[in-house]
């Protein structure tokens, strides 16, 4: 393996390439952030979107929903399955939070 100043170059180059690809994905994402960062922003809603949860969304959850906006919420709902999240409950968040969003189109997989 090639070394430069005692450091293996290949692992460093792979890391730089991966970070570059992740940054490009974030810029092209419809909600202006990566799927993962949007998911992190929705953490306050976790209790309100758990399967069979009777808990209403908190003020922090509603603020997060409104800040992310409809395109980002739809991206999360149509993205990969999220453990512990009921997609139907997530789709109800805009109404429960009095956010005037258009309904999300559910993509069939």
Protein backbone atom coordinates (compact mmCIF):
# COMPACT_ATOMS: atom_id res chain seq x y z
CA UNK A 1 0.00 0.00 0.00
CA UNK A 2 1.22 3.48 -0.83
CA UNK A 3 2.31 5.56 2.15
CA UNK A 4 2.76 9.30 2.29
CA UNK A 5 4.54 10.66 5.38
CA UNK A 6 3.90 7.36 7.15
CA UNK A 7 0.13 7.45 6.46
CA UNK A 8 -1.68 4.94 4.27
CA UNK A 9 -3.19 6.91 1.38
CA UNK A 10 -5.94 4.57 0.13
CA UNK A 11 -8.16 4.63 3.25
CA UNK A 12 -7.92 8.42 3.34
CA UNK A 13 -8.88 8.71 -0.33
CA UNK A 14 -11.86 6.40 0.18
CA UNK A 15 -13.02 8.53 3.12
CA UNK A 16 -12.73 11.75 1.08
CA UNK A 17 -14.66 10.17 -1.81
CA UNK A 18 -17.46 8.97 0.49
CA UNK A 19 -17.81 12.39 2.14
CA UNK A 20 -17.92 14.07 -1.26
CA UNK A 21 -20.67 11.74 -2.46
CA UNK A 22 -22.69 12.31 0.71
CA UNK A 23 -22.35 16.08 0.33
CA UNK A 24 -23.52 15.89 -3.29
CA UNK A 25 -26.53 13.79 -2.28
CA UNK A 26 -27.45 16.36 0.35
CA UNK A 27 -27.37 19.19 -2.19
CA UNK A 28 -29.60 17.31 -4.63
CA UNK A 29 -32.12 16.24 -1.99
CA UNK A 30 -35.59 17.77 -2.49
CA UNK A 31 -35.86 18.99 1.09
CA UNK A 32 -32.42 20.58 1.15
CA UNK A 33 -30.88 18.10 3.55
CA UNK A 34 -30.01 14.44 3.63
CA UNK A 35 -32.56 11.80 4.55
CA UNK A 36 -30.64 11.13 7.76
CA UNK A 37 -30.50 14.78 8.87
CA UNK A 38 -34.23 15.20 8.15
CA UNK A 39 -34.89 12.10 10.22
CA UNK A 40 -32.85 13.54 13.10
CA UNK A 41 -34.91 16.75 12.97
CA UNK A 42 -38.06 14.66 13.38
CA UNK A 43 -36.94 13.03 16.65
CA UNK A 44 -39.41 15.14 18.70
CA UNK A 45 -42.21 13.36 16.78
CA UNK A 46 -41.08 9.85 17.68
CA UNK A 47 -43.78 9.24 20.31
CA UNK A 48 -46.54 10.60 18.06
CA UNK A 49 -45.70 8.31 15.13
CA UNK A 50 -45.05 5.08 17.03
CA UNK A 51 -47.39 2.26 15.98
CA UNK A 52 -50.73 2.41 17.86
CA UNK A 53 -49.63 5.54 19.76
CA UNK A 54 -52.40 7.64 21.34
CA UNK A 55 -49.92 10.49 21.95
CA UNK A 56 -50.57 13.75 20.12
CA UNK A 57 -47.60 15.55 18.53
CA UNK A 58 -45.83 17.92 20.89
CA UNK A 59 -45.17 21.58 20.19
CA UNK A 60 -41.54 20.66 19.38
CA UNK A 61 -42.75 18.02 16.93
CA UNK A 62 -45.09 20.45 15.18
CA UNK A 63 -42.31 23.03 14.94
CA UNK A 64 -40.08 20.40 13.32
CA UNK A 65 -42.82 19.38 10.86
CA UNK A 66 -43.44 22.98 9.84
CA UNK A 67 -39.71 23.74 9.56
CA UNK A 68 -39.04 20.72 7.34
CA UNK A 69 -42.01 21.35 5.09
CA UNK A 70 -44.15 19.08 2.96
CA UNK A 71 -41.52 17.95 0.41
CA UNK A 72 -39.18 16.76 3.15
CA UNK A 73 -41.91 15.02 5.13
CA UNK A 74 -43.03 13.24 1.96
CA UNK A 75 -39.44 12.22 1.27
CA UNK A 76 -39.20 10.68 4.74
CA UNK A 77 -42.54 8.89 4.37
CA UNK A 78 -41.60 7.53 0.94
CA UNK A 79 -38.04 6.65 1.98
CA UNK A 80 -36.76 3.40 3.40
CA UNK A 81 -38.75 1.85 6.26
CA UNK A 82 -38.01 3.44 9.63
CA UNK A 83 -38.12 1.12 12.63
CA UNK A 84 -40.79 2.14 15.14
CA UNK A 85 -42.55 4.58 12.78
CA UNK A 86 -46.07 4.07 11.49
CA UNK A 87 -46.16 5.80 8.09
CA UNK A 88 -49.91 6.45 8.38
CA UNK A 89 -49.34 8.25 11.69
CA UNK A 90 -46.54 10.27 10.09
CA UNK A 91 -48.85 11.28 7.24
CA UNK A 92 -51.30 12.67 9.82
CA UNK A 93 -48.73 15.01 11.39
CA UNK A 94 -49.44 18.05 9.16
CA UNK A 95 -53.17 17.95 10.01
CA UNK A 96 -52.52 17.36 13.70
CA UNK A 97 -50.02 20.24 13.71
CA UNK A 98 -52.26 22.62 11.72
CA UNK A 99 -49.71 22.79 8.91
CA UNK A 100 -51.28 23.62 5.56
CA UNK A 101 -49.47 21.02 3.47
CA UNK A 102 -50.69 19.22 0.39
CA UNK A 103 -51.07 15.47 1.02
CA UNK A 104 -48.03 13.34 0.22
CA UNK A 105 -48.16 11.05 -2.77
CA UNK A 106 -47.26 7.59 -1.59
CA UNK A 107 -44.82 5.89 -3.93
CA UNK A 108 -45.49 2.21 -4.50
CA UNK A 109 -42.45 0.05 -4.04
